[in-house]
Amino acid sequence: MYESLNEAQTAHVSGFKGLLDKLREKSGEWEENQGVDRQSMDMMAEEGILGGYVSQEYGGMAWDALTYGMLNFMAGQFSPSLTGLFNVHFMVTKTIEKWGTEYQKAKWLPRLASGEIIGAFALTEPEVGSDIQEVSATYTANEHGISLSGTKKWITFGAVADVFLVFGKQGGHGTVYLVEKGIKGFEVEPIKSMLGFRGAHLAKLKFNECIVGEDQLIGKPGMALNFIAPYALRYGRLSVACASLGILKGGLEKASAYANERMTFGKKLIDQPILQDLIANMGMAYESAKFFCHKAAESIEHDLPKSLEAVMAAKYYTSKMAAKHIPEAIQLMGATGCLEDNILPRLYRDAKIMEVVEGSNPVLVQYLGKHFAIKSRQEKLNDFNQKPSISQYDLA
């Protein structure tokens, strides 16, 4: 992805490296302790990372989508859990910037950009995942304000976040409010011992008649599930896609280095045809996934009509390739690949999580199948209706 960066993007990415090198050294502790520590989050805040994808008028650095993708790509090579923070925090900031009132922007964005507070995205429920129209959390107006009741689960960085975008229904209409941690009736239950994403502070959130202010409503009732959530998920899926690309990169580098050094049957592993095939396929998957991620970032940056599909395709393909090839990298390295110290076991666990979060891959592929079928038919009709020209047939 580095070769496509412009001067400003290159400067940002160069700035990431020093901080990420320091965070890499701590990433093993996050796995052991099952959570990114607060000191590391403070380090990111001090470097401006938590405000990077926020407009300058609210204290941010006004990154573009590719710069945001590069941050996830670089962090994904050693800690996909860390990318979960960027994912949910910026889904909150981008949602407020797009759909929030001027009061909400002024109140929340400077604090989120400075890292004073962390944002999280509360959509998933114990019985509701990819089918977001079925959320059951309920908002009800009463004499005290708006009462929220319901449960959210698997909320990334939910155990440590300070403010949440909580999706539910009000009068049967999809609705989302900003909900602060610590209000009466709000209980946070950390989720531990997951297969992967161990450092991502997953949590279960319980709301028992929590009162939120009417001025915390984002958009209007009826907009949340059809417009606001899909808009925010573009950024979440770009994060997952680029983090998965980082996982692929990390696995490819480990496998390639080992294959170039390890001798077996009188040859280096890289000289064994079956392993050449394995690394070639991993490399081609990586190069193809780079294209998907770059296209997704560009579609978001320019707000293209099919950006939803472009980001969905990037998330689906890249996470699928990461989950496919990291086990092969471990197989190539044998017992050495199973050692926790070399990162591959972590990438193996997290690659599977990437296939699940921000829309399960089996659900996404149903949508994408219909999308590509319609797209192919439209392109065929366009070809039929277009008048041929001499240049089309290269008669020279």
Protein backbone atom coordinates (compact mmCIF):
# COMPACT_ATOMS: atom_id res chain seq x y z
CA MET A 1 0.00 0.00 0.00
CA TYR A 2 2.99 2.30 0.58
CA GLU A 3 3.67 2.80 -3.12
CA SER A 4 0.34 4.59 -3.68
CA LEU A 5 0.77 7.21 -0.96
CA ASN A 6 1.07 10.92 -1.71
CA GLU A 7 3.37 13.27 0.18
CA ALA A 8 0.91 14.12 2.97
CA GLN A 9 -0.06 10.49 3.46
CA THR A 10 3.58 9.45 3.56
CA ALA A 11 4.28 12.02 6.27
CA HIS A 12 1.43 10.69 8.41
CA VAL A 13 2.51 7.09 7.93
CA SER A 14 6.10 7.92 8.82
CA GLY A 15 4.76 9.51 12.00
CA PHE A 16 2.90 6.31 12.90
CA LYS A 17 5.99 4.13 12.83
CA GLY A 18 7.74 5.29 15.99
CA LEU A 19 4.62 5.00 18.12
CA LEU A 20 3.60 1.66 16.66
CA ASP A 21 7.08 0.26 17.31
CA LYS A 22 6.64 1.12 20.99
CA LEU A 23 3.16 -0.36 21.06
CA ARG A 24 4.36 -3.54 19.37
CA GLU A 25 6.61 -4.18 22.37
CA LYS A 26 3.58 -4.09 24.65
CA SER A 27 1.23 -6.14 22.47
CA GLY A 28 2.15 -9.43 24.12
CA GLU A 29 1.06 -8.04 27.49
CA TRP A 30 -2.30 -7.04 25.99
CA GLU A 31 -2.90 -10.65 25.00
CA GLU A 32 -1.90 -11.96 28.43
CA ASN A 33 -3.87 -9.35 30.36
CA GLN A 34 -6.74 -9.40 27.84
CA GLY A 35 -6.84 -5.70 27.21
CA VAL A 36 -4.88 -2.77 25.78
CA ASP A 37 -3.66 -0.84 28.82
CA ARG A 38 -4.70 2.72 29.56
CA GLN A 39 -1.12 3.98 29.34
CA SER A 40 -0.93 2.82 25.72
CA MET A 41 -4.19 4.59 24.93
CA ASP A 42 -2.82 7.74 26.56
CA MET A 43 0.31 7.46 24.38
CA MET A 44 -1.89 7.35 21.29
CA ALA A 45 -3.88 10.33 22.52
CA GLU A 46 -0.69 12.36 23.10
CA GLU A 47 0.45 11.61 19.55
CA GLY A 48 -2.88 12.78 18.16
CA ILE A 49 -3.82 9.34 16.84
CA LEU A 50 -7.26 9.31 18.48
CA GLY A 51 -8.13 12.55 16.72
CA GLY A 52 -6.48 11.72 13.42
CA TYR A 53 -9.66 10.99 11.50
CA VAL A 54 -11.49 14.06 12.90
CA SER A 55 -11.79 17.47 11.23
CA GLN A 56 -9.28 20.11 12.25
CA GLU A 57 -11.99 22.48 13.48
CA TYR A 58 -12.70 19.98 16.28
CA GLY A 59 -9.06 19.38 17.16
CA GLY A 60 -8.34 16.54 14.76
CA MET A 61 -5.75 16.00 12.04
CA ALA A 62 -8.19 15.54 9.12
CA TRP A 63 -6.69 12.33 7.72
CA ASP A 64 -8.10 10.92 4.54
CA ALA A 65 -9.47 7.36 4.27
CA LEU A 66 -6.24 5.84 2.93
CA THR A 67 -4.22 7.26 5.82
CA TYR A 68 -6.76 5.75 8.22
CA GLY A 69 -6.47 2.46 6.35
CA MET A 70 -2.68 2.55 6.61
CA LEU A 71 -2.86 2.93 10.39
CA ASN A 72 -5.00 -0.20 10.60
CA PHE A 73 -2.74 -2.04 8.15
CA MET A 74 0.40 -1.26 10.14
CA ALA A 75 -1.15 -2.09 13.53
CA GLY A 76 -2.80 -5.22 12.14
CA GLN A 77 0.61 -6.78 11.51
CA PHE A 78 1.17 -7.22 15.24
CA SER A 79 -2.11 -6.47 17.08
CA PRO A 80 -5.46 -6.71 15.31
CA SER A 81 -6.98 -6.09 18.76
CA LEU A 82 -5.53 -2.58 18.71
CA THR A 83 -7.24 -1.85 15.41
CA GLY A 84 -10.54 -2.50 17.18
CA LEU A 85 -9.98 0.76 19.06
CA PHE A 86 -9.51 2.74 15.85
CA ASN A 87 -12.52 0.97 14.35
CA VAL A 88 -15.13 1.84 16.98
CA HIS A 89 -13.70 5.17 18.13
CA PHE A 90 -13.76 6.60 14.61
CA MET A 91 -17.14 5.08 13.78
CA VAL A 92 -18.41 7.27 16.60
CA THR A 93 -16.57 10.42 15.49
CA LYS A 94 -17.49 10.04 11.82
CA THR A 95 -21.14 9.47 12.76
CA ILE A 96 -21.25 12.60 14.90
CA GLU A 97 -19.55 14.66 12.19
CA LYS A 98 -22.01 13.46 9.55
CA TRP A 99 -25.29 13.24 11.45
CA GLY A 100 -24.81 15.17 14.70
CA THR A 101 -26.15 18.62 15.56
CA GLU A 102 -23.76 21.55 15.97
CA TYR A 103 -24.25 21.23 19.72
CA GLN A 104 -23.30 17.54 19.66
CA LYS A 105 -20.27 18.18 17.49
CA ALA A 106 -19.02 20.95 19.79
CA LYS A 107 -19.68 18.90 22.92
CA TRP A 108 -18.23 15.54 21.91
CA LEU A 109 -15.76 15.81 19.04
CA PRO A 110 -12.99 17.83 20.76
CA ARG A 111 -13.03 15.41 23.72
CA LEU A 112 -12.98 12.37 21.46
CA ALA A 113 -10.25 13.86 19.28
CA SER A 114 -8.01 14.61 22.26
CA GLY A 115 -8.45 11.10 23.65
CA GLU A 116 -9.98 12.49 26.83
CA ILE A 117 -12.82 10.05 26.18
CA ILE A 118 -13.10 6.86 24.11
CA GLY A 119 -16.09 6.11 21.90
CA ALA A 120 -17.67 2.73 21.15
CA PHE A 121 -20.32 1.44 18.75
CA ALA A 122 -23.15 -0.54 20.37
CA LEU A 123 -25.23 -2.25 17.71
CA THR A 124 -24.91 -6.03 18.24
CA GLU A 125 -27.15 -7.82 20.75
CA PRO A 126 -27.11 -11.32 22.28
CA GLU A 127 -29.65 -12.51 19.69
CA VAL A 128 -28.98 -10.00 16.89
CA GLY A 129 -25.84 -9.80 14.75
CA SER A 130 -25.74 -9.04 11.04
CA ASP A 131 -29.54 -8.65 10.81
CA ILE A 132 -29.49 -5.20 12.35
CA GLN A 133 -33.17 -4.48 11.61
CA GLU A 134 -34.04 -6.89 14.44
CA VAL A 135 -32.42 -4.94 17.30
CA SER A 136 -34.60 -5.06 20.40
CA ALA A 137 -33.13 -2.36 22.66
CA THR A 138 -35.95 0.10 23.28
CA TYR A 139 -36.14 3.85 23.79
CA THR A 140 -39.31 5.18 25.43
CA ALA A 141 -40.20 8.80 26.16
CA ASN A 142 -41.39 9.55 29.70
CA GLU A 143 -41.55 12.50 32.11
CA HIS A 144 -37.83 12.15 32.92
CA GLY A 145 -36.59 12.13 29.34
CA ILE A 146 -35.82 9.11 27.14
CA SER A 147 -35.66 5.73 28.89
CA LEU A 148 -33.37 3.06 27.39
CA SER A 149 -33.73 -0.64 28.19
CA GLY A 150 -32.03 -3.62 26.55
CA THR A 151 -28.74 -5.47 26.19
CA LYS A 152 -25.81 -5.14 23.80
CA LYS A 153 -23.06 -7.76 23.46
CA TRP A 154 -19.63 -8.25 21.89
CA ILE A 155 -19.03 -4.49 21.98
CA THR A 156 -15.44 -3.76 21.01
CA PHE A 157 -13.67 -1.61 23.63
CA GLY A 158 -17.00 -1.52 25.45
CA ALA A 159 -15.31 -2.37 28.74
CA VAL A 160 -13.33 0.90 28.76
CA ALA A 161 -15.27 3.31 26.53
CA ASP A 162 -16.75 6.51 27.92
CA VAL A 163 -19.52 7.20 25.43
CA PHE A 164 -21.50 4.83 23.22
CA LEU A 165 -23.60 5.05 20.08
CA VAL A 166 -26.44 2.78 21.19
CA PHE A 167 -28.83 1.59 18.49
CA GLY A 168 -32.39 0.62 19.33
CA LYS A 169 -35.98 1.34 18.44
CA GLN A 170 -38.28 4.14 19.54
CA GLY A 171 -41.91 3.74 18.64
CA GLY A 172 -40.89 0.94 16.29
CA HIS A 173 -38.43 3.15 14.40
CA GLY A 174 -34.67 2.59 14.31
CA THR A 175 -33.04 5.14 16.60
CA VAL A 176 -29.59 5.89 17.98
CA TYR A 177 -28.55 8.04 20.93
CA LEU A 178 -25.22 8.92 22.49
CA VAL A 179 -25.14 7.26 25.92
CA GLU A 180 -22.54 8.09 28.56
CA LYS A 181 -20.92 5.54 30.83
CA GLY A 182 -21.86 5.83 34.47
CA ILE A 183 -25.49 6.84 34.19
CA LYS A 184 -27.95 5.11 36.49
CA GLY A 185 -29.06 1.68 35.28
CA PHE A 186 -26.09 1.19 32.91
CA GLU A 187 -23.98 -1.89 33.67
CA VAL A 188 -20.81 -2.96 31.84
CA GLU A 189 -19.74 -6.61 31.96
CA PRO A 190 -16.31 -7.39 30.42
CA ILE A 191 -16.10 -10.49 28.21
CA LYS A 192 -12.91 -12.51 28.64
CA SER A 193 -11.28 -15.64 27.18
CA MET A 194 -12.31 -15.09 23.56
CA LEU A 195 -10.67 -17.07 20.75
CA GLY A 196 -9.20 -13.87 19.36
CA PHE A 197 -9.39 -10.10 19.75
CA ARG A 198 -8.22 -10.72 23.31
CA GLY A 199 -6.88 -7.22 23.77
CA ALA A 200 -10.02 -5.49 22.44
CA HIS A 201 -11.92 -5.08 25.75
CA LEU A 202 -15.11 -6.74 24.53
CA ALA A 203 -18.11 -6.20 26.79
CA LYS A 204 -21.76 -6.85 27.41
CA LEU A 205 -23.77 -3.70 28.09
CA LYS A 206 -26.98 -3.79 30.11
CA PHE A 207 -29.42 -0.88 30.14
CA ASN A 208 -32.18 -0.89 32.74
CA GLU A 209 -34.41 2.17 32.26
CA CYS A 210 -31.41 4.44 31.71
CA ILE A 211 -32.42 8.07 31.18
CA VAL A 212 -30.73 9.86 28.30
CA GLY A 213 -31.30 13.41 27.16
CA GLU A 214 -33.36 14.15 24.08
CA ASP A 215 -30.45 16.25 22.85
CA GLN A 216 -28.38 13.04 22.57
CA LEU A 217 -30.44 11.76 19.64
CA ILE A 218 -28.35 11.35 16.47
CA GLY A 219 -30.31 12.14 13.32
CA LYS A 220 -34.02 11.39 13.51
CA PRO A 221 -36.05 8.33 14.53
CA GLY A 222 -36.24 5.97 11.55
CA MET A 223 -32.77 6.88 10.23
CA ALA A 224 -30.55 4.81 12.52
CA LEU A 225 -30.70 1.35 10.96
CA ASN A 226 -31.19 2.31 7.31
CA PHE A 227 -28.79 5.23 7.01
CA ILE A 228 -26.65 5.92 10.07
CA ALA A 229 -25.48 2.38 10.87
CA PRO A 230 -24.55 1.53 7.24
CA TYR A 231 -22.69 4.82 6.97
CA ALA A 232 -20.68 4.15 10.12
CA LEU A 233 -20.01 0.53 9.17
CA ARG A 234 -18.18 1.68 6.04
CA TYR A 235 -15.42 2.93 8.34
CA GLY A 236 -15.57 -0.16 10.53
CA ARG A 237 -15.28 -2.47 7.53
CA LEU A 238 -12.41 -0.45 6.08
CA SER A 239 -10.64 -0.92 9.42
CA VAL A 240 -11.26 -4.69 9.34
CA ALA A 241 -10.16 -4.98 5.71
CA CYS A 242 -6.90 -3.10 6.25
CA ALA A 243 -6.19 -4.86 9.55
CA SER A 244 -6.71 -8.19 7.75
CA LEU A 245 -4.27 -7.00 5.09
CA GLY A 246 -1.81 -6.38 7.92
CA ILE A 247 -2.41 -9.92 9.19
CA LEU A 248 -1.64 -11.26 5.71
CA LYS A 249 1.51 -9.14 5.52
CA GLY A 250 2.67 -10.33 8.93
CA GLY A 251 2.16 -13.97 7.97
CA LEU A 252 3.83 -13.58 4.59
CA GLU A 253 6.90 -11.95 6.12
CA LYS A 254 7.26 -14.63 8.81
CA ALA A 255 6.79 -17.53 6.38
CA SER A 256 9.12 -16.04 3.76
CA ALA A 257 11.92 -15.33 6.23
CA TYR A 258 11.71 -18.86 7.63
CA ALA A 259 11.55 -20.47 4.17
CA ASN A 260 14.70 -18.61 3.10
CA GLU A 261 16.68 -19.85 6.11
CA ARG A 262 15.41 -23.31 7.07
CA MET A 263 17.12 -26.31 5.46
CA THR A 264 15.40 -29.65 4.90
CA PHE A 265 16.40 -32.62 2.73
CA GLY A 266 19.48 -30.67 1.70
CA LYS A 267 17.54 -27.68 0.38
CA LYS A 268 16.13 -24.46 1.70
CA LEU A 269 12.39 -24.63 2.16
CA ILE A 270 11.96 -21.94 -0.49
CA ASP A 271 13.49 -24.35 -3.02
CA GLN A 272 10.82 -26.98 -2.36
CA PRO A 273 8.16 -26.67 -5.12
CA ILE A 274 5.20 -27.31 -2.82
CA LEU A 275 6.29 -24.48 -0.53
CA GLN A 276 7.01 -22.17 -3.44
CA ASP A 277 3.38 -22.71 -4.43
CA LEU A 278 2.19 -21.96 -0.89
CA ILE A 279 4.13 -18.70 -0.63
CA ALA A 280 3.21 -17.69 -4.18
CA ASN A 281 -0.49 -18.08 -3.40
CA MET A 282 -0.09 -16.13 -0.16
CA GLY A 283 1.74 -13.38 -2.00
CA MET A 284 -0.87 -13.17 -4.75
CA ALA A 285 -3.64 -13.04 -2.16
CA TYR A 286 -1.81 -10.19 -0.45
CA GLU A 287 -1.35 -8.23 -3.69
CA SER A 288 -5.00 -8.75 -4.66
CA ALA A 289 -6.18 -7.72 -1.20
CA LYS A 290 -4.15 -4.50 -1.46
CA PHE A 291 -6.18 -3.59 -4.53
CA PHE A 292 -9.46 -4.21 -2.69
CA CYS A 293 -8.37 -2.11 0.30
CA HIS A 294 -7.12 0.75 -1.82
CA LYS A 295 -10.32 0.78 -3.87
CA ALA A 296 -12.40 0.77 -0.67
CA ALA A 297 -10.48 3.71 0.79
CA GLU A 298 -10.79 5.68 -2.44
CA SER A 299 -14.53 5.01 -2.65
CA ILE A 300 -15.03 6.34 0.88
CA GLU A 301 -12.80 9.35 0.36
CA HIS A 302 -14.69 10.42 -2.76
CA ASP A 303 -18.07 9.24 -1.42
CA LEU A 304 -18.68 7.17 -4.54
CA PRO A 305 -22.17 5.71 -5.09
CA LYS A 306 -20.99 2.11 -4.67
CA SER A 307 -18.73 2.73 -1.68
CA LEU A 308 -20.86 0.45 0.51
CA GLU A 309 -20.23 -2.48 -1.85
CA ALA A 310 -16.55 -1.64 -2.35
CA VAL A 311 -15.86 -1.63 1.38
CA MET A 312 -17.94 -4.75 1.93
CA ALA A 313 -16.00 -6.59 -0.80
CA ALA A 314 -12.68 -5.50 0.71
CA LYS A 315 -13.71 -6.67 4.16
CA TYR A 316 -14.99 -10.01 2.84
CA TYR A 317 -12.06 -10.85 0.56
CA THR A 318 -9.20 -9.67 2.75
CA SER A 319 -10.46 -11.28 5.96
CA LYS A 320 -11.13 -14.52 4.06
CA MET A 321 -7.59 -14.55 2.65
CA ALA A 322 -6.08 -13.84 6.06
CA ALA A 323 -8.03 -16.71 7.62
CA LYS A 324 -6.97 -19.01 4.77
CA HIS A 325 -3.27 -18.25 4.61
CA ILE A 326 -2.18 -17.70 8.21
CA PRO A 327 -2.73 -21.42 9.03
CA GLU A 328 -0.58 -22.25 6.00
CA ALA A 329 2.20 -19.98 7.28
CA ILE A 330 2.06 -21.82 10.60
CA GLN A 331 2.13 -25.19 8.79
CA LEU A 332 5.20 -24.13 6.84
CA MET A 333 7.02 -23.19 10.05
CA GLY A 334 5.98 -26.32 11.95
CA ALA A 335 6.29 -26.21 15.71
CA THR A 336 8.15 -22.89 15.47
CA GLY A 337 5.00 -21.36 13.98
CA CYS A 338 3.04 -22.42 17.04
CA LEU A 339 5.19 -20.42 19.45
CA GLU A 340 3.28 -17.46 20.86
CA ASP A 341 6.40 -15.27 20.75
CA ASN A 342 6.49 -15.15 16.95
CA ILE A 343 3.01 -13.54 16.68
CA LEU A 344 1.57 -16.07 14.21
CA PRO A 345 -0.72 -17.78 16.77
CA ARG A 346 -2.15 -14.34 17.62
CA LEU A 347 -2.69 -13.54 13.95
CA TYR A 348 -4.29 -16.97 13.47
CA ARG A 349 -6.81 -16.34 16.23
CA ASP A 350 -7.58 -12.79 15.15
CA ALA A 351 -7.92 -13.68 11.47
CA LYS A 352 -10.94 -15.81 12.34
CA ILE A 353 -12.46 -12.92 14.29
CA MET A 354 -12.07 -10.68 11.25
CA GLU A 355 -14.36 -12.99 9.30
CA VAL A 356 -17.05 -12.49 11.94
CA VAL A 357 -17.02 -8.81 12.94
CA GLU A 358 -18.66 -5.91 11.05
CA GLY A 359 -20.94 -8.28 9.16
CA SER A 360 -20.31 -12.01 9.13
CA ASN A 361 -18.73 -13.13 5.85
CA PRO A 362 -21.48 -15.66 4.98
CA VAL A 363 -24.01 -12.82 5.23
CA LEU A 364 -21.89 -10.36 3.25
CA VAL A 365 -21.34 -12.82 0.43
CA GLN A 366 -25.10 -13.14 -0.09
CA TYR A 367 -25.37 -9.39 -0.59
CA LEU A 368 -22.26 -9.29 -2.78
CA GLY A 369 -23.52 -12.15 -4.95
CA LYS A 370 -26.64 -10.18 -5.82
CA HIS A 371 -24.59 -7.00 -6.28
CA PHE A 372 -22.20 -8.54 -8.81
CA ALA A 373 -25.01 -10.27 -10.69
CA ILE A 374 -26.83 -6.96 -11.13
CA LYS A 375 -23.61 -5.14 -11.99
CA SER A 376 -22.72 -7.72 -14.65
CA ARG A 377 -26.15 -7.44 -16.25
CA GLN A 378 -25.97 -3.64 -16.30
CA GLU A 379 -22.51 -3.72 -17.90
CA LYS A 380 -23.76 -6.15 -20.55
CA LEU A 381 -26.70 -3.85 -21.37
CA ASN A 382 -24.35 -0.85 -21.55
CA ASP A 383 -22.08 -2.73 -23.96
CA PHE A 384 -25.08 -3.67 -26.12
CA ASN A 385 -26.44 -0.13 -26.24
CA GLN A 386 -23.08 1.52 -26.95
CA LYS A 387 -22.31 2.23 -30.59
CA PRO A 388 -19.10 0.49 -31.66
CA SER A 389 -16.26 2.64 -32.94
CA ILE A 390 -13.26 1.74 -35.07
CA SER A 391 -10.94 2.13 -32.08
CA GLN A 392 -12.87 -0.57 -30.23
CA TYR A 393 -11.89 -3.16 -32.79
CA ASP A 394 -8.26 -2.12 -33.34
CA LEU A 395 -8.46 -2.42 -37.15
CA ALA A 396 -5.12 -0.81 -37.78
